[in-house]
Amino acid sequence: MVGPALHRFRAGTSDDDDLRLLTKHLLAVLVATAPGGAVEVRVPPYAAAQCLPGTRHTRGTPPAAVEMDAPTWIALAVGDLDWTEATREARVVASGERSDLGHLLPLVTG
């Protein structure tokens, strides 16, 4: 299911279900790659996940947060968009210590 959804995303024909599936799947890959709770990655309205080792937060605003829309997250995670370019274009809002995820991306290639 992920492969066809990614194909539709890259073709520009993805729908809301594809964006939800890809967002959640790629956030799960991020958490498996960099487990922890120091940074919260938010991709509204689909999902949020905590990653990177360090202090875990349970309520309120986390010490480090990264937020973006689903197309930006998917493009970053699969290598279609570079972290530096995305932050320069203000497609990503990152605040707090350790909120630069560039060293973890892309999560998958191909």
PDB file of N, CA and C in Angstrom:
ATOM      1  N   MET A   1       0.801  -1.189   0.000  1.00  0.00           N
ATOM      2  CA  MET A   1       0.000   0.000   0.000  1.00  0.00           C
ATOM      3  C   MET A   1       0.858   1.273   0.000  1.00  0.00           C
ATOM      4  N   VAL A   2       2.001   1.235   0.688  1.00  0.00           N
ATOM      5  CA  VAL A   2       2.847   2.420   0.771  1.00  0.00           C
ATOM      6  C   VAL A   2       3.455   2.730  -0.601  1.00  0.00           C
ATOM      7  N   GLY A   3       3.900   1.699  -1.310  1.00  0.00           N
ATOM      8  CA  GLY A   3       4.518   1.897  -2.623  1.00  0.00           C
ATOM      9  C   GLY A   3       3.595   2.598  -3.610  1.00  0.00           C
ATOM     10  N   PRO A   4       2.368   2.099  -3.802  1.00  0.00           N
ATOM     11  CA  PRO A   4       1.449   2.788  -4.710  1.00  0.00           C
ATOM     12  C   PRO A   4       1.102   4.200  -4.244  1.00  0.00           C
ATOM     13  N   ALA A   5       0.958   4.406  -2.936  1.00  0.00           N
ATOM     14  CA  ALA A   5       0.653   5.750  -2.418  1.00  0.00           C
ATOM     15  C   ALA A   5       1.811   6.699  -2.714  1.00  0.00           C
ATOM     16  N   LEU A   6       3.042   6.229  -2.558  1.00  0.00           N
ATOM     17  CA  LEU A   6       4.210   7.067  -2.857  1.00  0.00           C
ATOM     18  C   LEU A   6       4.275   7.370  -4.350  1.00  0.00           C
ATOM     19  N   HIS A   7       3.956   6.396  -5.167  1.00  0.00           N
ATOM     20  CA  HIS A   7       3.934   6.628  -6.617  1.00  0.00           C
ATOM     21  C   HIS A   7       2.919   7.719  -6.968  1.00  0.00           C
ATOM     22  N   ARG A   8       1.719   7.641  -6.391  1.00  0.00           N
ATOM     23  CA  ARG A   8       0.705   8.669  -6.649  1.00  0.00           C
ATOM     24  C   ARG A   8       1.156  10.033  -6.121  1.00  0.00           C
ATOM     25  N   PHE A   9       1.829  10.039  -4.964  1.00  0.00           N
ATOM     26  CA  PHE A   9       2.341  11.295  -4.411  1.00  0.00           C
ATOM     27  C   PHE A   9       3.327  11.945  -5.386  1.00  0.00           C
ATOM     28  N   ARG A  10       4.255  11.162  -5.862  1.00  0.00           N
ATOM     29  CA  ARG A  10       5.264  11.699  -6.775  1.00  0.00           C
ATOM     30  C   ARG A  10       4.665  12.103  -8.118  1.00  0.00           C
ATOM     31  N   ALA A  11       3.566  11.475  -8.503  1.00  0.00           N
ATOM     32  CA  ALA A  11       2.892  11.816  -9.758  1.00  0.00           C
ATOM     33  C   ALA A  11       1.964  13.018  -9.601  1.00  0.00           C
ATOM     34  N   GLY A  12       1.776  13.464  -8.351  1.00  0.00           N
ATOM     35  CA  GLY A  12       0.900  14.596  -8.106  1.00  0.00           C
ATOM     36  C   GLY A  12      -0.575  14.237  -8.084  1.00  0.00           C
ATOM     37  N   THR A  13      -0.879  12.952  -7.892  1.00  0.00           N
ATOM     38  CA  THR A  13      -2.272  12.506  -7.898  1.00  0.00           C
ATOM     39  C   THR A  13      -2.707  11.910  -6.559  1.00  0.00           C
ATOM     40  N   SER A  14      -1.943  12.149  -5.518  1.00  0.00           N
ATOM     41  CA  SER A  14      -2.288  11.574  -4.211  1.00  0.00           C
ATOM     42  C   SER A  14      -3.531  12.240  -3.649  1.00  0.00           C
ATOM     43  N   ASP A  15      -4.258  11.476  -2.835  1.00  0.00           N
ATOM     44  CA  ASP A  15      -5.434  12.023  -2.166  1.00  0.00           C
ATOM     45  C   ASP A  15      -5.176  12.060  -0.662  1.00  0.00           C
ATOM     46  N   ASP A  16      -6.184  12.457   0.083  1.00  0.00           N
ATOM     47  CA  ASP A  16      -6.060  12.594   1.531  1.00  0.00           C
ATOM     48  C   ASP A  16      -5.655  11.274   2.197  1.00  0.00           C
ATOM     49  N   ASP A  17      -6.206  10.172   1.724  1.00  0.00           N
ATOM     50  CA  ASP A  17      -5.863   8.863   2.294  1.00  0.00           C
ATOM     51  C   ASP A  17      -4.393   8.529   2.065  1.00  0.00           C
ATOM     52  N   ASP A  18      -3.885   8.856   0.871  1.00  0.00           N
ATOM     53  CA  ASP A  18      -2.466   8.629   0.582  1.00  0.00           C
ATOM     54  C   ASP A  18      -1.585   9.466   1.501  1.00  0.00           C
ATOM     55  N   LEU A  19      -1.939  10.745   1.669  1.00  0.00           N
ATOM     56  CA  LEU A  19      -1.140  11.615   2.538  1.00  0.00           C
ATOM     57  C   LEU A  19      -1.141  11.109   3.975  1.00  0.00           C
ATOM     58  N   ARG A  20      -2.284  10.660   4.460  1.00  0.00           N
ATOM     59  CA  ARG A  20      -2.379  10.133   5.828  1.00  0.00           C
ATOM     60  C   ARG A  20      -1.511   8.878   5.981  1.00  0.00           C
ATOM     61  N   LEU A  21      -1.651   7.942   5.035  1.00  0.00           N
ATOM     62  CA  LEU A  21      -0.885   6.698   5.079  1.00  0.00           C
ATOM     63  C   LEU A  21       0.615   6.980   5.054  1.00  0.00           C
ATOM     64  N   LEU A  22       1.058   7.790   4.113  1.00  0.00           N
ATOM     65  CA  LEU A  22       2.487   8.078   3.986  1.00  0.00           C
ATOM     66  C   LEU A  22       3.021   8.837   5.195  1.00  0.00           C
ATOM     67  N   THR A  23       2.253   9.797   5.689  1.00  0.00           N
ATOM     68  CA  THR A  23       2.685  10.562   6.863  1.00  0.00           C
ATOM     69  C   THR A  23       2.888   9.650   8.054  1.00  0.00           C
ATOM     70  N   LYS A  24       1.905   8.840   8.354  1.00  0.00           N
ATOM     71  CA  LYS A  24       2.001   7.953   9.526  1.00  0.00           C
ATOM     72  C   LYS A  24       3.098   6.914   9.349  1.00  0.00           C
ATOM     73  N   HIS A  25       3.210   6.355   8.162  1.00  0.00           N
ATOM     74  CA  HIS A  25       4.251   5.353   7.918  1.00  0.00           C
ATOM     75  C   HIS A  25       5.644   5.955   8.082  1.00  0.00           C
ATOM     76  N   LEU A  26       5.856   7.112   7.485  1.00  0.00           N
ATOM     77  CA  LEU A  26       7.185   7.725   7.536  1.00  0.00           C
ATOM     78  C   LEU A  26       7.519   8.260   8.926  1.00  0.00           C
ATOM     79  N   LEU A  27       6.526   8.694   9.687  1.00  0.00           N
ATOM     80  CA  LEU A  27       6.790   9.060  11.085  1.00  0.00           C
ATOM     81  C   LEU A  27       7.181   7.825  11.889  1.00  0.00           C
ATOM     82  N   ALA A  28       6.557   6.686  11.610  1.00  0.00           N
ATOM     83  CA  ALA A  28       6.925   5.443  12.297  1.00  0.00           C
ATOM     84  C   ALA A  28       8.358   5.044  11.962  1.00  0.00           C
ATOM     85  N   VAL A  29       8.766   5.255  10.718  1.00  0.00           N
ATOM     86  CA  VAL A  29      10.159   4.974  10.328  1.00  0.00           C
ATOM     87  C   VAL A  29      11.099   5.915  11.076  1.00  0.00           C
ATOM     88  N   LEU A  30      10.725   7.175  11.193  1.00  0.00           N
ATOM     89  CA  LEU A  30      11.546   8.131  11.943  1.00  0.00           C
ATOM     90  C   LEU A  30      11.712   7.685  13.392  1.00  0.00           C
ATOM     91  N   VAL A  31      10.636   7.294  14.025  1.00  0.00           N
ATOM     92  CA  VAL A  31      10.689   6.866  15.431  1.00  0.00           C
ATOM     93  C   VAL A  31      11.546   5.607  15.569  1.00  0.00           C
ATOM     94  N   ALA A  32      11.458   4.694  14.620  1.00  0.00           N
ATOM     95  CA  ALA A  32      12.283   3.483  14.667  1.00  0.00           C
ATOM     96  C   ALA A  32      13.758   3.810  14.448  1.00  0.00           C
ATOM     97  N   THR A  33      14.026   4.819  13.633  1.00  0.00           N
ATOM     98  CA  THR A  33      15.399   5.227  13.330  1.00  0.00           C
ATOM     99  C   THR A  33      16.024   6.011  14.473  1.00  0.00           C
ATOM    100  N   ALA A  34      15.234   6.874  15.097  1.00  0.00           N
ATOM    101  CA  ALA A  34      15.738   7.761  16.156  1.00  0.00           C
ATOM    102  C   ALA A  34      14.754   7.775  17.330  1.00  0.00           C
ATOM    103  N   PRO A  35      14.660   6.657  18.053  1.00  0.00           N
ATOM    104  CA  PRO A  35      13.681   6.581  19.147  1.00  0.00           C
ATOM    105  C   PRO A  35      14.003   7.559  20.274  1.00  0.00           C
ATOM    106  N   GLY A  36      12.961   7.986  20.947  1.00  0.00           N
ATOM    107  CA  GLY A  36      13.120   8.890  22.077  1.00  0.00           C
ATOM    108  C   GLY A  36      11.964   9.865  22.146  1.00  0.00           C
ATOM    109  N   GLY A  37      12.104  10.854  22.983  1.00  0.00           N
ATOM    110  CA  GLY A  37      11.027  11.804  23.175  1.00  0.00           C
ATOM    111  C   GLY A  37      11.469  13.244  23.275  1.00  0.00           C
ATOM    112  N   ALA A  38      12.653  13.563  22.796  1.00  0.00           N
ATOM    113  CA  ALA A  38      13.184  14.916  22.955  1.00  0.00           C
ATOM    114  C   ALA A  38      12.638  15.911  21.940  1.00  0.00           C
ATOM    115  N   VAL A  39      12.204  15.431  20.789  1.00  0.00           N
ATOM    116  CA  VAL A  39      11.700  16.308  19.732  1.00  0.00           C
ATOM    117  C   VAL A  39      10.338  15.791  19.286  1.00  0.00           C
ATOM    118  N   GLU A  40       9.389  16.698  19.172  1.00  0.00           N
ATOM    119  CA  GLU A  40       8.080  16.314  18.645  1.00  0.00           C
ATOM    120  C   GLU A  40       7.974  16.792  17.207  1.00  0.00           C
ATOM    121  N   VAL A  41       7.649  15.872  16.325  1.00  0.00           N
ATOM    122  CA  VAL A  41       7.452  16.188  14.916  1.00  0.00           C
ATOM    123  C   VAL A  41       5.951  16.165  14.658  1.00  0.00           C
ATOM    124  N   ARG A  42       5.433  17.301  14.202  1.00  0.00           N
ATOM    125  CA  ARG A  42       3.994  17.459  13.991  1.00  0.00           C
ATOM    126  C   ARG A  42       3.708  17.631  12.500  1.00  0.00           C
ATOM    127  N   VAL A  43       2.769  16.828  12.023  1.00  0.00           N
ATOM    128  CA  VAL A  43       2.324  16.926  10.641  1.00  0.00           C
ATOM    129  C   VAL A  43       0.790  16.989  10.664  1.00  0.00           C
ATOM    130  N   PRO A  44       0.260  18.184  11.006  1.00  0.00           N
ATOM    131  CA  PRO A  44      -1.190  18.292  11.114  1.00  0.00           C
ATOM    132  C   PRO A  44      -1.848  18.210   9.726  1.00  0.00           C
ATOM    133  N   PRO A  45      -3.033  17.651   9.648  1.00  0.00           N
ATOM    134  CA  PRO A  45      -3.860  17.108  10.725  1.00  0.00           C
ATOM    135  C   PRO A  45      -3.676  15.615  10.937  1.00  0.00           C
ATOM    136  N   TYR A  46      -2.618  15.039  10.348  1.00  0.00           N
ATOM    137  CA  TYR A  46      -2.504  13.585  10.298  1.00  0.00           C
ATOM    138  C   TYR A  46      -1.880  12.928  11.511  1.00  0.00           C
ATOM    139  N   ALA A  47      -0.788  13.461  12.029  1.00  0.00           N
ATOM    140  CA  ALA A  47      -0.101  12.754  13.108  1.00  0.00           C
ATOM    141  C   ALA A  47       0.986  13.619  13.722  1.00  0.00           C
ATOM    142  N   ALA A  48       1.445  13.158  14.867  1.00  0.00           N
ATOM    143  CA  ALA A  48       2.616  13.728  15.541  1.00  0.00           C
ATOM    144  C   ALA A  48       3.368  12.566  16.169  1.00  0.00           C
ATOM    145  N   ALA A  49       4.667  12.720  16.288  1.00  0.00           N
ATOM    146  CA  ALA A  49       5.487  11.666  16.885  1.00  0.00           C
ATOM    147  C   ALA A  49       6.659  12.298  17.613  1.00  0.00           C
ATOM    148  N   GLN A  50       7.139  11.584  18.615  1.00  0.00           N
ATOM    149  CA  GLN A  50       8.323  12.033  19.346  1.00  0.00           C
ATOM    150  C   GLN A  50       9.501  11.162  18.943  1.00  0.00           C
ATOM    151  N   CYS A  51      10.658  11.806  18.831  1.00  0.00           N
ATOM    152  CA  CYS A  51      11.862  11.088  18.426  1.00  0.00           C
ATOM    153  C   CYS A  51      13.080  11.680  19.109  1.00  0.00           C
ATOM    154  N   LEU A  52      14.193  11.088  18.890  1.00  0.00           N
ATOM    155  CA  LEU A  52      15.508  11.452  19.422  1.00  0.00           C
ATOM    156  C   LEU A  52      15.591  11.271  20.940  1.00  0.00           C
ATOM    157  N   PRO A  53      16.652  10.651  21.392  1.00  0.00           N
ATOM    158  CA  PRO A  53      16.832  10.447  22.827  1.00  0.00           C
ATOM    159  C   PRO A  53      16.978  11.760  23.580  1.00  0.00           C
ATOM    160  N   GLY A  54      16.537  11.767  24.791  1.00  0.00           N
ATOM    161  CA  GLY A  54      16.634  12.961  25.631  1.00  0.00           C
ATOM    162  C   GLY A  54      15.406  13.087  26.505  1.00  0.00           C
ATOM    163  N   THR A  55      15.238  14.245  27.062  1.00  0.00           N
ATOM    164  CA  THR A  55      14.122  14.495  27.960  1.00  0.00           C
ATOM    165  C   THR A  55      12.804  14.339  27.222  1.00  0.00           C
ATOM    166  N   ARG A  56      11.926  13.549  27.775  1.00  0.00           N
ATOM    167  CA  ARG A  56      10.609  13.329  27.187  1.00  0.00           C
ATOM    168  C   ARG A  56       9.610  14.257  27.851  1.00  0.00           C
ATOM    169  N   HIS A  57       8.763  14.873  27.052  1.00  0.00           N
ATOM    170  CA  HIS A  57       7.734  15.722  27.627  1.00  0.00           C
ATOM    171  C   HIS A  57       6.395  14.993  27.572  1.00  0.00           C
ATOM    172  N   THR A  58       5.493  15.340  28.463  1.00  0.00           N
ATOM    173  CA  THR A  58       4.197  14.679  28.490  1.00  0.00           C
ATOM    174  C   THR A  58       3.028  15.639  28.359  1.00  0.00           C
ATOM    175  N   ARG A  59       3.250  16.916  28.621  1.00  0.00           N
ATOM    176  CA  ARG A  59       2.167  17.894  28.520  1.00  0.00           C
ATOM    177  C   ARG A  59       2.697  19.225  28.022  1.00  0.00           C
ATOM    178  N   GLY A  60       1.836  19.942  27.322  1.00  0.00           N
ATOM    179  CA  GLY A  60       2.220  21.279  26.887  1.00  0.00           C
ATOM    180  C   GLY A  60       3.185  21.265  25.719  1.00  0.00           C
ATOM    181  N   THR A  61       3.839  22.363  25.534  1.00  0.00           N
ATOM    182  CA  THR A  61       4.775  22.532  24.429  1.00  0.00           C
ATOM    183  C   THR A  61       6.083  21.823  24.743  1.00  0.00           C
ATOM    184  N   PRO A  62       6.542  20.977  23.849  1.00  0.00           N
ATOM    185  CA  PRO A  62       7.809  20.274  24.079  1.00  0.00           C
ATOM    186  C   PRO A  62       8.999  21.223  23.970  1.00  0.00           C
ATOM    187  N   PRO A  63      10.150  20.828  24.507  1.00  0.00           N
ATOM    188  CA  PRO A  63      11.344  21.670  24.420  1.00  0.00           C
ATOM    189  C   PRO A  63      11.828  21.857  22.985  1.00  0.00           C
ATOM    190  N   ALA A  64      11.522  20.919  22.119  1.00  0.00           N
ATOM    191  CA  ALA A  64      11.881  21.038  20.706  1.00  0.00           C
ATOM    192  C   ALA A  64      10.712  20.517  19.882  1.00  0.00           C
ATOM    193  N   ALA A  65      10.325  21.278  18.874  1.00  0.00           N
ATOM    194  CA  ALA A  65       9.206  20.890  18.024  1.00  0.00           C
ATOM    195  C   ALA A  65       9.515  21.227  16.576  1.00  0.00           C
ATOM    196  N   VAL A  66       9.025  20.377  15.702  1.00  0.00           N
ATOM    197  CA  VAL A  66       9.167  20.567  14.268  1.00  0.00           C
ATOM    198  C   VAL A  66       7.774  20.385  13.672  1.00  0.00           C
ATOM    199  N   GLU A  67       7.349  21.334  12.854  1.00  0.00           N
ATOM    200  CA  GLU A  67       6.014  21.230  12.269  1.00  0.00           C
ATOM    201  C   GLU A  67       6.065  21.573  10.791  1.00  0.00           C
ATOM    202  N   MET A  68       5.282  20.816  10.011  1.00  0.00           N
ATOM    203  CA  MET A  68       5.202  21.035   8.566  1.00  0.00           C
ATOM    204  C   MET A  68       3.947  20.365   8.041  1.00  0.00           C
ATOM    205  N   ASP A  69       3.609  20.666   6.795  1.00  0.00           N
ATOM    206  CA  ASP A  69       2.458  19.998   6.194  1.00  0.00           C
ATOM    207  C   ASP A  69       2.881  18.627   5.665  1.00  0.00           C
ATOM    208  N   ALA A  70       1.895  17.821   5.320  1.00  0.00           N
ATOM    209  CA  ALA A  70       2.163  16.452   4.890  1.00  0.00           C
ATOM    210  C   ALA A  70       3.016  16.372   3.617  1.00  0.00           C
ATOM    211  N   PRO A  71       2.721  17.145   2.574  1.00  0.00           N
ATOM    212  CA  PRO A  71       3.574  17.038   1.385  1.00  0.00           C
ATOM    213  C   PRO A  71       5.052  17.359   1.668  1.00  0.00           C
ATOM    214  N   THR A  72       5.295  18.321   2.533  1.00  0.00           N
ATOM    215  CA  THR A  72       6.681  18.654   2.886  1.00  0.00           C
ATOM    216  C   THR A  72       7.328  17.496   3.632  1.00  0.00           C
ATOM    217  N   TRP A  73       6.627  16.936   4.621  1.00  0.00           N
ATOM    218  CA  TRP A  73       7.175  15.817   5.396  1.00  0.00           C
ATOM    219  C   TRP A  73       7.486  14.632   4.493  1.00  0.00           C
ATOM    220  N   ILE A  74       6.572  14.280   3.642  1.00  0.00           N
ATOM    221  CA  ILE A  74       6.778  13.121   2.772  1.00  0.00           C
ATOM    222  C   ILE A  74       7.967  13.367   1.852  1.00  0.00           C
ATOM    223  N   ALA A  75       8.022  14.548   1.244  1.00  0.00           N
ATOM    224  CA  ALA A  75       9.136  14.864   0.340  1.00  0.00           C
ATOM    225  C   ALA A  75      10.476  14.822   1.065  1.00  0.00           C
ATOM    226  N   LEU A  76      10.527  15.330   2.282  1.00  0.00           N
ATOM    227  CA  LEU A  76      11.760  15.269   3.072  1.00  0.00           C
ATOM    228  C   LEU A  76      12.134  13.824   3.389  1.00  0.00           C
ATOM    229  N   ALA A  77      11.164  13.057   3.828  1.00  0.00           N
ATOM    230  CA  ALA A  77      11.429  11.691   4.292  1.00  0.00           C
ATOM    231  C   ALA A  77      11.878  10.758   3.178  1.00  0.00           C
ATOM    232  N   VAL A  78      11.430  11.031   1.941  1.00  0.00           N
ATOM    233  CA  VAL A  78      11.814  10.150   0.832  1.00  0.00           C
ATOM    234  C   VAL A  78      12.924  10.740  -0.033  1.00  0.00           C
ATOM    235  N   GLY A  79      13.447  11.894   0.361  1.00  0.00           N
ATOM    236  CA  GLY A  79      14.586  12.463  -0.347  1.00  0.00           C
ATOM    237  C   GLY A  79      14.253  13.318  -1.545  1.00  0.00           C
ATOM    238  N   ASP A  80      12.993  13.692  -1.707  1.00  0.00           N
ATOM    239  CA  ASP A  80      12.618  14.572  -2.816  1.00  0.00           C
ATOM    240  C   ASP A  80      12.828  16.045  -2.475  1.00  0.00           C
ATOM    241  N   LEU A  81      13.090  16.343  -1.214  1.00  0.00           N
ATOM    242  CA  LEU A  81      13.303  17.706  -0.746  1.00  0.00           C
ATOM    243  C   LEU A  81      14.412  17.693   0.298  1.00  0.00           C
ATOM    244  N   ASP A  82      15.282  18.659   0.223  1.00  0.00           N
ATOM    245  CA  ASP A  82      16.395  18.787   1.159  1.00  0.00           C
ATOM    246  C   ASP A  82      15.967  19.612   2.382  1.00  0.00           C
ATOM    247  N   TRP A  83      16.427  19.206   3.580  1.00  0.00           N
ATOM    248  CA  TRP A  83      16.079  19.892   4.825  1.00  0.00           C
ATOM    249  C   TRP A  83      16.457  21.379   4.769  1.00  0.00           C
ATOM    250  N   THR A  84      17.637  21.676   4.299  1.00  0.00           N
ATOM    251  CA  THR A  84      18.094  23.070   4.239  1.00  0.00           C
ATOM    252  C   THR A  84      17.181  23.900   3.340  1.00  0.00           C
ATOM    253  N   GLU A  85      16.834  23.350   2.207  1.00  0.00           N
ATOM    254  CA  GLU A  85      15.930  24.050   1.289  1.00  0.00           C
ATOM    255  C   GLU A  85      14.556  24.254   1.931  1.00  0.00           C
ATOM    256  N   ALA A  86      14.039  23.236   2.574  1.00  0.00           N
ATOM    257  CA  ALA A  86      12.712  23.329   3.204  1.00  0.00           C
ATOM    258  C   ALA A  86      12.681  24.374   4.310  1.00  0.00           C
ATOM    259  N   THR A  87      13.738  24.445   5.110  1.00  0.00           N
ATOM    260  CA  THR A  87      13.761  25.444   6.178  1.00  0.00           C
ATOM    261  C   THR A  87      13.974  26.845   5.608  1.00  0.00           C
ATOM    262  N   ARG A  88      14.798  26.959   4.580  1.00  0.00           N
ATOM    263  CA  ARG A  88      15.034  28.258   3.950  1.00  0.00           C
ATOM    264  C   ARG A  88      13.747  28.803   3.332  1.00  0.00           C
ATOM    265  N   GLU A  89      12.935  27.927   2.766  1.00  0.00           N
ATOM    266  CA  GLU A  89      11.669  28.326   2.152  1.00  0.00           C
ATOM    267  C   GLU A  89      10.539  28.441   3.172  1.00  0.00           C
ATOM    268  N   ALA A  90      10.846  28.253   4.439  1.00  0.00           N
ATOM    269  CA  ALA A  90       9.862  28.328   5.528  1.00  0.00           C
ATOM    270  C   ALA A  90       8.755  27.295   5.373  1.00  0.00           C
ATOM    271  N   ARG A  91       9.084  26.158   4.796  1.00  0.00           N
ATOM    272  CA  ARG A  91       8.120  25.058   4.699  1.00  0.00           C
ATOM    273  C   ARG A  91       8.121  24.233   5.976  1.00  0.00           C
ATOM    274  N   VAL A  92       9.158  24.438   6.802  1.00  0.00           N
ATOM    275  CA  VAL A  92       9.301  23.749   8.079  1.00  0.00           C
ATOM    276  C   VAL A  92       9.463  24.802   9.166  1.00  0.00           C
ATOM    277  N   VAL A  93       8.749  24.625  10.256  1.00  0.00           N
ATOM    278  CA  VAL A  93       8.930  25.473  11.430  1.00  0.00           C
ATOM    279  C   VAL A  93       9.590  24.594  12.489  1.00  0.00           C
ATOM    280  N   ALA A  94      10.818  24.916  12.846  1.00  0.00           N
ATOM    281  CA  ALA A  94      11.580  24.119  13.815  1.00  0.00           C
ATOM    282  C   ALA A  94      12.072  25.035  14.922  1.00  0.00           C
ATOM    283  N   SER A  95      11.801  24.627  16.158  1.00  0.00           N
ATOM    284  CA  SER A  95      12.248  25.439  17.284  1.00  0.00           C
ATOM    285  C   SER A  95      12.769  24.539  18.390  1.00  0.00           C
ATOM    286  N   GLY A  96      13.699  25.077  19.128  1.00  0.00           N
ATOM    287  CA  GLY A  96      14.259  24.341  20.259  1.00  0.00           C
ATOM    288  C   GLY A  96      15.523  23.588  19.897  1.00  0.00           C
ATOM    289  N   GLU A  97      16.217  23.224  20.949  1.00  0.00           N
ATOM    290  CA  GLU A  97      17.457  22.478  20.806  1.00  0.00           C
ATOM    291  C   GLU A  97      17.196  21.134  20.137  1.00  0.00           C
ATOM    292  N   ARG A  98      18.029  20.760  19.193  1.00  0.00           N
ATOM    293  CA  ARG A  98      17.979  19.488  18.498  1.00  0.00           C
ATOM    294  C   ARG A  98      16.825  19.369  17.511  1.00  0.00           C
ATOM    295  N   SER A  99      16.254  20.491  17.098  1.00  0.00           N
ATOM    296  CA  SER A  99      15.118  20.417  16.180  1.00  0.00           C
ATOM    297  C   SER A  99      15.539  20.294  14.708  1.00  0.00           C
ATOM    298  N   ASP A 100      16.821  20.326  14.431  1.00  0.00           N
ATOM    299  CA  ASP A 100      17.309  20.134  13.072  1.00  0.00           C
ATOM    300  C   ASP A 100      17.340  18.636  12.779  1.00  0.00           C
ATOM    301  N   LEU A 101      16.456  18.179  11.905  1.00  0.00           N
ATOM    302  CA  LEU A 101      16.377  16.760  11.576  1.00  0.00           C
ATOM    303  C   LEU A 101      17.129  16.416  10.305  1.00  0.00           C
ATOM    304  N   GLY A 102      17.837  17.369   9.742  1.00  0.00           N
ATOM    305  CA  GLY A 102      18.535  17.168   8.483  1.00  0.00           C
ATOM    306  C   GLY A 102      19.457  15.969   8.455  1.00  0.00           C
ATOM    307  N   HIS A 103      20.089  15.677   9.581  1.00  0.00           N
ATOM    308  CA  HIS A 103      21.030  14.551   9.624  1.00  0.00           C
ATOM    309  C   HIS A 103      20.324  13.198   9.580  1.00  0.00           C
ATOM    310  N   LEU A 104      19.016  13.170   9.787  1.00  0.00           N
ATOM    311  CA  LEU A 104      18.256  11.916   9.759  1.00  0.00           C
ATOM    312  C   LEU A 104      17.579  11.655   8.419  1.00  0.00           C
ATOM    313  N   LEU A 105      17.556  12.673   7.568  1.00  0.00           N
ATOM    314  CA  LEU A 105      16.777  12.583   6.331  1.00  0.00           C
ATOM    315  C   LEU A 105      17.676  12.465   5.110  1.00  0.00           C
ATOM    316  N   PRO A 106      17.259  11.758   4.087  1.00  0.00           N
ATOM    317  CA  PRO A 106      15.996  11.072   3.969  1.00  0.00           C
ATOM    318  C   PRO A 106      15.973   9.771   4.769  1.00  0.00           C
ATOM    319  N   LEU A 107      14.774   9.345   5.098  1.00  0.00           N
ATOM    320  CA  LEU A 107      14.592   8.087   5.835  1.00  0.00           C
ATOM    321  C   LEU A 107      14.624   6.888   4.910  1.00  0.00           C
ATOM    322  N   VAL A 108      14.098   7.080   3.723  1.00  0.00           N
ATOM    323  CA  VAL A 108      14.070   6.028   2.706  1.00  0.00           C
ATOM    324  C   VAL A 108      14.439   6.671   1.377  1.00  0.00           C
ATOM    325  N   THR A 109      14.927   5.878   0.460  1.00  0.00           N
ATOM    326  CA  THR A 109      15.252   6.385  -0.861  1.00  0.00           C
ATOM    327  C   THR A 109      14.672   5.434  -1.897  1.00  0.00           C
ATOM    328  N   GLY A 110      14.517   5.954  -3.068  1.00  0.00           N
ATOM    329  CA  GLY A 110      14.045   5.101  -4.166  1.00  0.00           C
ATOM    330  C   GLY A 110      12.698   5.478  -4.677  1.00  0.00           C
TER     331      GLY A 110
END
